[in-house]
Amino acid sequence: MGSSGVFASGTLARRLERAEAGLIEDGAAAARRRLGDAQVLTVAIAGGVAVFTEPGSPFNKFAGLGFDGVPDERILDHIEREFSARGTPVQIELSSLGDPEIARLATRRGYQLVGFENVLGLHLAPNNADAPAAGSGSISIAPTTPDDDRAWLDTVTTGFLHPDRIDGAPSHESFDRETLERVYLDTMAAPSFERFLAWRAGEIAGGASLRISGGVAQLCGAATLPAHRRRGVQSALLRHRLALAASRGCDLAVVTTQPGSKSQENVQRSGFSLLYVRAILVEPPHQ
């Protein structure tokens, strides 16, 4: 894989947070095609974006704040009213390398710190493209075809709903199957996301996705079916996507994990290093 060699600077964090905002915007655009303009909210704010798609969706959040000034409180007022009218809490995800004044502003406005997530990165060099990309042993990886859509959806949803062990605080979020399936359907409809299935001993064992933005390979949507865990499925999916990203000229791969999770352990074993933490700040809907 090569050495990560990534220094977690503010410049790097700005780049990654903008890629994250783009990912959220792409998901919102796909949801808008399904739900219509009236329901979906997308507001650019202070270099980031605020998105609402539908109740319970993990796309409902602020992303990308912290690197282009402090949000205008009048725009915040508008967004908070829109979220409140939809009965949805407002969630800000703020990089630890971003402007701390935003956290102070959110706290003054009643937001509460409810958790964290880790952002990890790996430097990609041209020789990463020569890494084994098709799995190892009995595991093979292939991009999905339209005939695979249902299988990919079932695989990643089932895997996500059966989380692996975690040696840390539990996630502050939980999602039901119907909501997750709609979210994954939206990512399937977004042209910026590529999807992959892992096969082990002739059976579908896991799935994952990839989004490339400005030389950044965003590794997301990865899940393994419980019966196939501890067999190298996620490692094979990871190697495949890293090799593909390197072959396309990406210089950096990034993944977001729950702190202390098996996913974090897997990517760190593959050379990823912890770049920064996102604080998750939530304001409940106004009564």
C-alpha atoms as a PDB file:
ATOM      1  CA  MET A   1       0.000   0.000   0.000  1.00  0.00           C
ATOM      2  CA  GLY A   2       2.842   2.393   0.719  1.00  0.00           C
ATOM      3  CA  SER A   3       3.183   4.858   3.551  1.00  0.00           C
ATOM      4  CA  SER A   4       0.360   7.245   4.394  1.00  0.00           C
ATOM      5  CA  GLY A   5       2.695  10.267   4.665  1.00  0.00           C
ATOM      6  CA  VAL A   6      -0.257  12.610   5.315  1.00  0.00           C
ATOM      7  CA  PHE A   7       0.139  15.719   7.454  1.00  0.00           C
ATOM      8  CA  ALA A   8      -3.171  16.851   8.921  1.00  0.00           C
ATOM      9  CA  SER A   9      -3.043  20.548   8.127  1.00  0.00           C
ATOM     10  CA  GLY A  10      -5.867  23.050   7.952  1.00  0.00           C
ATOM     11  CA  THR A  11      -5.375  23.202   4.184  1.00  0.00           C
ATOM     12  CA  LEU A  12      -5.849  19.456   3.921  1.00  0.00           C
ATOM     13  CA  ALA A  13      -8.916  19.523   6.160  1.00  0.00           C
ATOM     14  CA  ARG A  14     -10.472  22.281   4.022  1.00  0.00           C
ATOM     15  CA  ARG A  15      -9.993  20.086   0.956  1.00  0.00           C
ATOM     16  CA  LEU A  16     -11.512  17.019   2.595  1.00  0.00           C
ATOM     17  CA  GLU A  17     -14.424  18.896   4.134  1.00  0.00           C
ATOM     18  CA  ARG A  18     -15.289  20.386   0.753  1.00  0.00           C
ATOM     19  CA  ALA A  19     -15.263  16.892  -0.717  1.00  0.00           C
ATOM     20  CA  GLU A  20     -17.570  15.775   2.097  1.00  0.00           C
ATOM     21  CA  ALA A  21     -19.932  18.668   1.399  1.00  0.00           C
ATOM     22  CA  GLY A  22     -19.953  17.623  -2.262  1.00  0.00           C
ATOM     23  CA  LEU A  23     -20.833  14.064  -1.304  1.00  0.00           C
ATOM     24  CA  ILE A  24     -23.786  15.286   0.765  1.00  0.00           C
ATOM     25  CA  GLU A  25     -24.914  17.577  -2.063  1.00  0.00           C
ATOM     26  CA  ASP A  26     -24.800  14.693  -4.546  1.00  0.00           C
ATOM     27  CA  GLY A  27     -26.957  12.586  -2.230  1.00  0.00           C
ATOM     28  CA  ALA A  28     -29.408  15.463  -1.858  1.00  0.00           C
ATOM     29  CA  ALA A  29     -29.596  15.957  -5.635  1.00  0.00           C
ATOM     30  CA  ALA A  30     -30.465  12.282  -6.084  1.00  0.00           C
ATOM     31  CA  ALA A  31     -33.085  12.512  -3.336  1.00  0.00           C
ATOM     32  CA  ARG A  32     -34.569  15.588  -5.018  1.00  0.00           C
ATOM     33  CA  ARG A  33     -35.142  13.613  -8.206  1.00  0.00           C
ATOM     34  CA  ARG A  34     -37.071  11.057  -6.152  1.00  0.00           C
ATOM     35  CA  LEU A  35     -38.917  13.378  -3.761  1.00  0.00           C
ATOM     36  CA  GLY A  36     -39.278  16.658  -5.629  1.00  0.00           C
ATOM     37  CA  ASP A  37     -38.030  20.182  -4.984  1.00  0.00           C
ATOM     38  CA  ALA A  38     -40.577  21.030  -2.292  1.00  0.00           C
ATOM     39  CA  GLN A  39     -39.262  18.544   0.265  1.00  0.00           C
ATOM     40  CA  VAL A  40     -35.493  18.610  -0.212  1.00  0.00           C
ATOM     41  CA  LEU A  41     -33.513  21.528   1.214  1.00  0.00           C
ATOM     42  CA  THR A  42     -29.997  22.444   0.087  1.00  0.00           C
ATOM     43  CA  VAL A  43     -28.480  25.711   1.340  1.00  0.00           C
ATOM     44  CA  ALA A  44     -24.901  26.871   0.741  1.00  0.00           C
ATOM     45  CA  ILE A  45     -23.490  28.505   3.862  1.00  0.00           C
ATOM     46  CA  ALA A  46     -19.986  29.690   4.838  1.00  0.00           C
ATOM     47  CA  GLY A  47     -18.191  27.385   2.427  1.00  0.00           C
ATOM     48  CA  GLY A  48     -20.284  24.386   3.439  1.00  0.00           C
ATOM     49  CA  VAL A  49     -23.788  23.127   2.856  1.00  0.00           C
ATOM     50  CA  ALA A  50     -26.917  22.389   4.887  1.00  0.00           C
ATOM     51  CA  VAL A  51     -29.076  19.541   3.574  1.00  0.00           C
ATOM     52  CA  PHE A  52     -32.435  18.014   4.447  1.00  0.00           C
ATOM     53  CA  THR A  53     -33.842  15.183   2.341  1.00  0.00           C
ATOM     54  CA  GLU A  54     -36.411  13.313   4.427  1.00  0.00           C
ATOM     55  CA  PRO A  55     -37.003  12.447   8.102  1.00  0.00           C
ATOM     56  CA  GLY A  56     -34.374  10.157   9.591  1.00  0.00           C
ATOM     57  CA  SER A  57     -31.885  10.435   6.729  1.00  0.00           C
ATOM     58  CA  PRO A  58     -28.142  10.566   7.498  1.00  0.00           C
ATOM     59  CA  PHE A  59     -27.899  13.261   4.803  1.00  0.00           C
ATOM     60  CA  ASN A  60     -29.701  15.730   7.102  1.00  0.00           C
ATOM     61  CA  LYS A  61     -26.805  17.855   8.325  1.00  0.00           C
ATOM     62  CA  PHE A  62     -24.385  20.722   7.890  1.00  0.00           C
ATOM     63  CA  ALA A  63     -21.160  19.634   6.192  1.00  0.00           C
ATOM     64  CA  GLY A  64     -17.999  21.489   5.221  1.00  0.00           C
ATOM     65  CA  LEU A  65     -18.157  24.336   7.750  1.00  0.00           C
ATOM     66  CA  GLY A  66     -15.103  25.774   9.443  1.00  0.00           C
ATOM     67  CA  PHE A  67     -12.894  27.005   6.616  1.00  0.00           C
ATOM     68  CA  ASP A  68     -14.643  29.975   5.045  1.00  0.00           C
ATOM     69  CA  GLY A  69     -15.753  32.218   7.872  1.00  0.00           C
ATOM     70  CA  VAL A  70     -18.448  32.007  10.522  1.00  0.00           C
ATOM     71  CA  PRO A  71     -21.993  31.363   9.263  1.00  0.00           C
ATOM     72  CA  ASP A  72     -24.344  34.337   8.995  1.00  0.00           C
ATOM     73  CA  GLU A  73     -26.803  33.966  11.874  1.00  0.00           C
ATOM     74  CA  ARG A  74     -29.677  35.133   9.682  1.00  0.00           C
ATOM     75  CA  ILE A  75     -29.051  32.211   7.347  1.00  0.00           C
ATOM     76  CA  LEU A  76     -28.741  29.922  10.362  1.00  0.00           C
ATOM     77  CA  ASP A  77     -32.108  31.188  11.598  1.00  0.00           C
ATOM     78  CA  HIS A  78     -33.664  30.323   8.243  1.00  0.00           C
ATOM     79  CA  ILE A  79     -32.154  26.831   8.134  1.00  0.00           C
ATOM     80  CA  GLU A  80     -33.128  26.067  11.719  1.00  0.00           C
ATOM     81  CA  ARG A  81     -36.724  27.117  11.012  1.00  0.00           C
ATOM     82  CA  GLU A  82     -36.823  24.896   7.936  1.00  0.00           C
ATOM     83  CA  PHE A  83     -35.498  21.890   9.855  1.00  0.00           C
ATOM     84  CA  SER A  84     -37.846  22.568  12.759  1.00  0.00           C
ATOM     85  CA  ALA A  85     -40.842  22.734  10.410  1.00  0.00           C
ATOM     86  CA  ARG A  86     -39.842  19.250   9.239  1.00  0.00           C
ATOM     87  CA  GLY A  87     -39.541  17.974  12.822  1.00  0.00           C
ATOM     88  CA  THR A  88     -35.836  17.266  12.390  1.00  0.00           C
ATOM     89  CA  PRO A  89     -32.916  18.235  14.641  1.00  0.00           C
ATOM     90  CA  VAL A  90     -30.169  20.357  13.093  1.00  0.00           C
ATOM     91  CA  GLN A  91     -26.804  18.608  13.051  1.00  0.00           C
ATOM     92  CA  ILE A  92     -23.455  20.307  12.493  1.00  0.00           C
ATOM     93  CA  GLU A  93     -20.364  18.183  11.825  1.00  0.00           C
ATOM     94  CA  LEU A  94     -17.315  20.320  12.538  1.00  0.00           C
ATOM     95  CA  SER A  95     -13.677  19.429  11.921  1.00  0.00           C
ATOM     96  CA  SER A  96     -11.289  19.828  14.842  1.00  0.00           C
ATOM     97  CA  LEU A  97      -9.068  21.763  12.398  1.00  0.00           C
ATOM     98  CA  GLY A  98     -11.877  24.191  11.559  1.00  0.00           C
ATOM     99  CA  ASP A  99     -12.634  27.578  13.091  1.00  0.00           C
ATOM    100  CA  PRO A 100     -13.507  27.026  16.800  1.00  0.00           C
ATOM    101  CA  GLU A 101     -15.684  30.134  16.733  1.00  0.00           C
ATOM    102  CA  ILE A 102     -18.322  28.054  14.937  1.00  0.00           C
ATOM    103  CA  ALA A 103     -18.501  25.652  17.881  1.00  0.00           C
ATOM    104  CA  ARG A 104     -18.841  28.594  20.269  1.00  0.00           C
ATOM    105  CA  LEU A 105     -21.584  30.063  18.079  1.00  0.00           C
ATOM    106  CA  ALA A 106     -23.461  26.772  17.963  1.00  0.00           C
ATOM    107  CA  THR A 107     -23.188  26.337  21.725  1.00  0.00           C
ATOM    108  CA  ARG A 108     -24.612  29.815  22.302  1.00  0.00           C
ATOM    109  CA  ARG A 109     -27.517  28.868  20.049  1.00  0.00           C
ATOM    110  CA  GLY A 110     -28.337  25.779  22.105  1.00  0.00           C
ATOM    111  CA  TYR A 111     -26.508  23.063  20.185  1.00  0.00           C
ATOM    112  CA  GLN A 112     -25.171  20.175  22.255  1.00  0.00           C
ATOM    113  CA  LEU A 113     -22.142  17.977  21.654  1.00  0.00           C
ATOM    114  CA  VAL A 114     -23.473  14.439  21.115  1.00  0.00           C
ATOM    115  CA  GLY A 115     -20.531  12.545  19.639  1.00  0.00           C
ATOM    116  CA  PHE A 116     -17.527  12.354  17.352  1.00  0.00           C
ATOM    117  CA  GLU A 117     -16.396  10.669  14.161  1.00  0.00           C
ATOM    118  CA  ASN A 118     -12.884  10.049  12.907  1.00  0.00           C
ATOM    119  CA  VAL A 119     -11.513  11.072   9.515  1.00  0.00           C
ATOM    120  CA  LEU A 120      -8.579   8.943   8.366  1.00  0.00           C
ATOM    121  CA  GLY A 121      -6.420   9.353   5.282  1.00  0.00           C
ATOM    122  CA  LEU A 122      -3.855   7.539   3.156  1.00  0.00           C
ATOM    123  CA  HIS A 123      -1.478   9.069   0.627  1.00  0.00           C
ATOM    124  CA  LEU A 124      -1.802   7.435  -2.789  1.00  0.00           C
ATOM    125  CA  ALA A 125       1.137   7.180  -5.141  1.00  0.00           C
ATOM    126  CA  PRO A 126       1.218   5.729  -8.683  1.00  0.00           C
ATOM    127  CA  ASN A 127       2.554   2.410  -7.369  1.00  0.00           C
ATOM    128  CA  ASN A 128      -0.660   1.964  -5.375  1.00  0.00           C
ATOM    129  CA  ALA A 129      -2.293   1.179  -8.705  1.00  0.00           C
ATOM    130  CA  ASP A 130      -0.124  -1.953  -8.873  1.00  0.00           C
ATOM    131  CA  ALA A 131      -1.492  -3.316  -5.577  1.00  0.00           C
ATOM    132  CA  PRO A 132      -3.655  -6.449  -5.763  1.00  0.00           C
ATOM    133  CA  ALA A 133      -7.029  -5.122  -6.813  1.00  0.00           C
ATOM    134  CA  ALA A 134      -9.209  -8.157  -7.294  1.00  0.00           C
ATOM    135  CA  GLY A 135      -9.247  -9.572  -3.789  1.00  0.00           C
ATOM    136  CA  SER A 136      -7.214 -12.458  -2.457  1.00  0.00           C
ATOM    137  CA  GLY A 137      -7.731 -16.157  -2.014  1.00  0.00           C
ATOM    138  CA  SER A 138     -11.387 -16.982  -2.384  1.00  0.00           C
ATOM    139  CA  ILE A 139     -12.459 -13.308  -2.432  1.00  0.00           C
ATOM    140  CA  SER A 140     -13.100 -11.457  -5.683  1.00  0.00           C
ATOM    141  CA  ILE A 141     -14.268  -7.892  -6.271  1.00  0.00           C
ATOM    142  CA  ALA A 142     -16.262  -6.572  -9.195  1.00  0.00           C
ATOM    143  CA  PRO A 143     -18.065  -3.332 -10.035  1.00  0.00           C
ATOM    144  CA  THR A 144     -21.823  -3.653  -9.999  1.00  0.00           C
ATOM    145  CA  THR A 145     -23.994  -3.881 -13.074  1.00  0.00           C
ATOM    146  CA  PRO A 146     -27.672  -2.848 -13.209  1.00  0.00           C
ATOM    147  CA  ASP A 147     -28.551  -6.499 -12.565  1.00  0.00           C
ATOM    148  CA  ASP A 148     -26.647  -6.276  -9.254  1.00  0.00           C
ATOM    149  CA  ASP A 149     -28.540  -3.280  -7.869  1.00  0.00           C
ATOM    150  CA  ARG A 150     -30.888  -5.240  -5.612  1.00  0.00           C
ATOM    151  CA  ALA A 151     -28.101  -7.504  -4.357  1.00  0.00           C
ATOM    152  CA  TRP A 152     -25.840  -4.541  -3.540  1.00  0.00           C
ATOM    153  CA  LEU A 153     -28.672  -2.737  -1.759  1.00  0.00           C
ATOM    154  CA  ASP A 154     -29.568  -5.792   0.339  1.00  0.00           C
ATOM    155  CA  THR A 155     -25.927  -6.488   1.166  1.00  0.00           C
ATOM    156  CA  VAL A 156     -24.850  -3.065   2.375  1.00  0.00           C
ATOM    157  CA  THR A 157     -28.120  -2.448   4.229  1.00  0.00           C
ATOM    158  CA  THR A 158     -28.001  -5.781   6.034  1.00  0.00           C
ATOM    159  CA  GLY A 159     -24.334  -5.318   6.878  1.00  0.00           C
ATOM    160  CA  PHE A 160     -24.900  -1.820   8.238  1.00  0.00           C
ATOM    161  CA  LEU A 161     -27.840  -2.946  10.380  1.00  0.00           C
ATOM    162  CA  HIS A 162     -25.625  -5.580  12.047  1.00  0.00           C
ATOM    163  CA  PRO A 163     -22.707  -3.438  13.267  1.00  0.00           C
ATOM    164  CA  ASP A 164     -19.440  -5.085  14.174  1.00  0.00           C
ATOM    165  CA  ARG A 165     -17.853  -4.789  17.570  1.00  0.00           C
ATOM    166  CA  ILE A 166     -16.807  -1.384  18.818  1.00  0.00           C
ATOM    167  CA  ASP A 167     -14.440  -0.568  21.684  1.00  0.00           C
ATOM    168  CA  GLY A 168     -15.698   2.947  22.232  1.00  0.00           C
ATOM    169  CA  ALA A 169     -18.824   5.022  22.668  1.00  0.00           C
ATOM    170  CA  PRO A 170     -21.823   3.877  20.601  1.00  0.00           C
ATOM    171  CA  SER A 171     -23.031   5.993  17.718  1.00  0.00           C
ATOM    172  CA  HIS A 172     -25.510   8.736  18.563  1.00  0.00           C
ATOM    173  CA  GLU A 173     -27.519   7.735  15.465  1.00  0.00           C
ATOM    174  CA  SER A 174     -29.597   4.727  14.492  1.00  0.00           C
ATOM    175  CA  PHE A 175     -31.519   4.074  11.293  1.00  0.00           C
ATOM    176  CA  ASP A 176     -34.253   1.669  10.284  1.00  0.00           C
ATOM    177  CA  ARG A 177     -34.003  -0.539   7.224  1.00  0.00           C
ATOM    178  CA  GLU A 178     -36.486   1.401   5.094  1.00  0.00           C
ATOM    179  CA  THR A 179     -34.652   4.684   5.651  1.00  0.00           C
ATOM    180  CA  LEU A 180     -31.274   3.148   4.879  1.00  0.00           C
ATOM    181  CA  GLU A 181     -32.562   1.531   1.710  1.00  0.00           C
ATOM    182  CA  ARG A 182     -33.885   4.861   0.465  1.00  0.00           C
ATOM    183  CA  VAL A 183     -30.541   6.524   1.205  1.00  0.00           C
ATOM    184  CA  TYR A 184     -28.621   3.790  -0.607  1.00  0.00           C
ATOM    185  CA  LEU A 185     -31.078   3.984  -3.515  1.00  0.00           C
ATOM    186  CA  ASP A 186     -30.273   7.676  -3.776  1.00  0.00           C
ATOM    187  CA  THR A 187     -26.533   6.990  -3.865  1.00  0.00           C
ATOM    188  CA  MET A 188     -27.185   4.361  -6.535  1.00  0.00           C
ATOM    189  CA  ALA A 189     -28.903   7.059  -8.586  1.00  0.00           C
ATOM    190  CA  ALA A 190     -26.056   9.560  -8.144  1.00  0.00           C
ATOM    191  CA  PRO A 191     -23.542   9.234 -11.000  1.00  0.00           C
ATOM    192  CA  SER A 192     -20.608  10.260  -8.787  1.00  0.00           C
ATOM    193  CA  PHE A 193     -20.825   7.052  -6.722  1.00  0.00           C
ATOM    194  CA  GLU A 194     -19.345   3.770  -7.966  1.00  0.00           C
ATOM    195  CA  ARG A 195     -20.390   0.506  -6.314  1.00  0.00           C
ATOM    196  CA  PHE A 196     -18.648  -2.824  -5.827  1.00  0.00           C
ATOM    197  CA  LEU A 197     -19.570  -6.291  -4.626  1.00  0.00           C
ATOM    198  CA  ALA A 198     -17.271  -8.763  -2.915  1.00  0.00           C
ATOM    199  CA  TRP A 199     -17.736 -12.472  -3.563  1.00  0.00           C
ATOM    200  CA  ARG A 200     -16.399 -15.186  -1.267  1.00  0.00           C
ATOM    201  CA  ALA A 201     -16.614 -18.897  -2.048  1.00  0.00           C
ATOM    202  CA  GLY A 202     -19.208 -18.164  -4.698  1.00  0.00           C
ATOM    203  CA  GLU A 203     -21.462 -16.064  -2.446  1.00  0.00           C
ATOM    204  CA  ILE A 204     -21.959 -12.318  -2.135  1.00  0.00           C
ATOM    205  CA  ALA A 205     -20.119 -11.354   1.036  1.00  0.00           C
ATOM    206  CA  GLY A 206     -19.962  -7.556   1.105  1.00  0.00           C
ATOM    207  CA  GLY A 207     -20.313  -4.314  -0.757  1.00  0.00           C
ATOM    208  CA  ALA A 208     -18.809  -0.843  -0.860  1.00  0.00           C
ATOM    209  CA  SER A 209     -18.785   2.383  -2.833  1.00  0.00           C
ATOM    210  CA  LEU A 210     -16.316   4.993  -4.055  1.00  0.00           C
ATOM    211  CA  ARG A 211     -16.612   8.664  -4.924  1.00  0.00           C
ATOM    212  CA  ILE A 212     -13.744  10.621  -6.485  1.00  0.00           C
ATOM    213  CA  SER A 213     -13.620  14.397  -6.093  1.00  0.00           C
ATOM    214  CA  GLY A 214     -10.660  16.626  -6.921  1.00  0.00           C
ATOM    215  CA  GLY A 215      -8.095  13.883  -6.515  1.00  0.00           C
ATOM    216  CA  VAL A 216      -9.658  12.635  -3.260  1.00  0.00           C
ATOM    217  CA  ALA A 217     -10.969   9.079  -3.168  1.00  0.00           C
ATOM    218  CA  GLN A 218     -13.859   8.928  -0.702  1.00  0.00           C
ATOM    219  CA  LEU A 219     -14.376   5.362   0.506  1.00  0.00           C
ATOM    220  CA  CYS A 220     -17.925   4.952   1.773  1.00  0.00           C
ATOM    221  CA  GLY A 221     -20.885   2.611   2.057  1.00  0.00           C
ATOM    222  CA  ALA A 222     -18.757  -0.415   3.017  1.00  0.00           C
ATOM    223  CA  ALA A 223     -20.389  -3.352   4.792  1.00  0.00           C
ATOM    224  CA  THR A 224     -19.834  -7.096   5.170  1.00  0.00           C
ATOM    225  CA  LEU A 225     -22.563  -9.657   5.778  1.00  0.00           C
ATOM    226  CA  PRO A 226     -22.201 -11.116   9.291  1.00  0.00           C
ATOM    227  CA  ALA A 227     -21.590 -14.687   8.047  1.00  0.00           C
ATOM    228  CA  HIS A 228     -18.521 -13.541   6.085  1.00  0.00           C
ATOM    229  CA  ARG A 229     -16.762 -11.376   8.639  1.00  0.00           C
ATOM    230  CA  ARG A 230     -13.150 -11.986   9.707  1.00  0.00           C
ATOM    231  CA  ARG A 231     -12.409 -13.411   6.265  1.00  0.00           C
ATOM    232  CA  GLY A 232     -10.688 -10.418   4.675  1.00  0.00           C
ATOM    233  CA  VAL A 233     -13.712  -9.129   2.753  1.00  0.00           C
ATOM    234  CA  GLN A 234     -13.331  -5.486   3.757  1.00  0.00           C
ATOM    235  CA  SER A 235      -9.586  -5.595   3.190  1.00  0.00           C
ATOM    236  CA  ALA A 236     -10.172  -6.868  -0.340  1.00  0.00           C
ATOM    237  CA  LEU A 237     -12.763  -4.159  -1.044  1.00  0.00           C
ATOM    238  CA  LEU A 238     -10.372  -1.568   0.346  1.00  0.00           C
ATOM    239  CA  ARG A 239      -7.411  -2.715  -1.783  1.00  0.00           C
ATOM    240  CA  HIS A 240      -9.534  -2.766  -4.915  1.00  0.00           C
ATOM    241  CA  ARG A 241     -10.826   0.777  -4.471  1.00  0.00           C
ATOM    242  CA  LEU A 242      -7.407   2.144  -3.521  1.00  0.00           C
ATOM    243  CA  ALA A 243      -5.808   0.632  -6.614  1.00  0.00           C
ATOM    244  CA  LEU A 244      -8.584   1.994  -8.815  1.00  0.00           C
ATOM    245  CA  ALA A 245      -8.308   5.471  -7.282  1.00  0.00           C
ATOM    246  CA  ALA A 246      -4.527   5.525  -7.704  1.00  0.00           C
ATOM    247  CA  SER A 247      -4.854   4.468 -11.340  1.00  0.00           C
ATOM    248  CA  ARG A 248      -7.096   7.489 -11.883  1.00  0.00           C
ATOM    249  CA  GLY A 249      -4.600   9.933 -10.425  1.00  0.00           C
ATOM    250  CA  CYS A 250      -5.967  10.374  -6.902  1.00  0.00           C
ATOM    251  CA  ASP A 251      -3.328  11.438  -4.395  1.00  0.00           C
ATOM    252  CA  LEU A 252      -5.373  10.864  -1.248  1.00  0.00           C
ATOM    253  CA  ALA A 253      -7.911   8.342   0.047  1.00  0.00           C
ATOM    254  CA  VAL A 254     -10.186   9.193   2.949  1.00  0.00           C
ATOM    255  CA  VAL A 255     -12.598   7.251   5.119  1.00  0.00           C
ATOM    256  CA  THR A 256     -14.846   8.264   8.015  1.00  0.00           C
ATOM    257  CA  THR A 257     -15.371   5.849  10.894  1.00  0.00           C
ATOM    258  CA  GLN A 258     -16.991   5.564  14.281  1.00  0.00           C
ATOM    259  CA  PRO A 259     -14.210   5.928  16.910  1.00  0.00           C
ATOM    260  CA  GLY A 260     -13.026   2.579  18.212  1.00  0.00           C
ATOM    261  CA  SER A 261     -14.839   0.603  15.508  1.00  0.00           C
ATOM    262  CA  LYS A 262     -13.689  -2.452  13.597  1.00  0.00           C
ATOM    263  CA  SER A 263     -13.781  -0.295  10.457  1.00  0.00           C
ATOM    264  CA  GLN A 264     -11.219   2.046  11.975  1.00  0.00           C
ATOM    265  CA  GLU A 265      -9.023  -0.890  12.976  1.00  0.00           C
ATOM    266  CA  ASN A 266      -9.201  -2.326   9.443  1.00  0.00           C
ATOM    267  CA  VAL A 267      -8.177   0.871   7.655  1.00  0.00           C
ATOM    268  CA  GLN A 268      -5.387   1.655  10.115  1.00  0.00           C
ATOM    269  CA  ARG A 269      -3.966  -1.809   9.509  1.00  0.00           C
ATOM    270  CA  SER A 270      -3.923  -0.879   5.826  1.00  0.00           C
ATOM    271  CA  GLY A 271      -1.828   2.241   6.465  1.00  0.00           C
ATOM    272  CA  PHE A 272      -4.446   4.927   7.068  1.00  0.00           C
ATOM    273  CA  SER A 273      -3.673   7.478   9.751  1.00  0.00           C
ATOM    274  CA  LEU A 274      -6.036   9.544  11.865  1.00  0.00           C
ATOM    275  CA  LEU A 275      -6.165  13.059  10.408  1.00  0.00           C
ATOM    276  CA  TYR A 276      -8.752  14.800  12.562  1.00  0.00           C
ATOM    277  CA  VAL A 277     -11.988  14.369  14.438  1.00  0.00           C
ATOM    278  CA  ARG A 278     -15.389  15.794  13.606  1.00  0.00           C
ATOM    279  CA  ALA A 279     -17.435  17.022  16.551  1.00  0.00           C
ATOM    280  CA  ILE A 280     -21.163  16.379  16.112  1.00  0.00           C
ATOM    281  CA  LEU A 281     -23.314  19.192  17.471  1.00  0.00           C
ATOM    282  CA  VAL A 282     -27.106  18.902  17.503  1.00  0.00           C
ATOM    283  CA  GLU A 283     -29.897  21.356  18.168  1.00  0.00           C
ATOM    284  CA  PRO A 284     -33.280  19.713  18.823  1.00  0.00           C
ATOM    285  CA  PRO A 285     -36.293  20.935  16.804  1.00  0.00           C
ATOM    286  CA  HIS A 286     -37.925  24.066  18.198  1.00  0.00           C
ATOM    287  CA  GLN A 287     -41.182  23.466  20.034  1.00  0.00           C
END
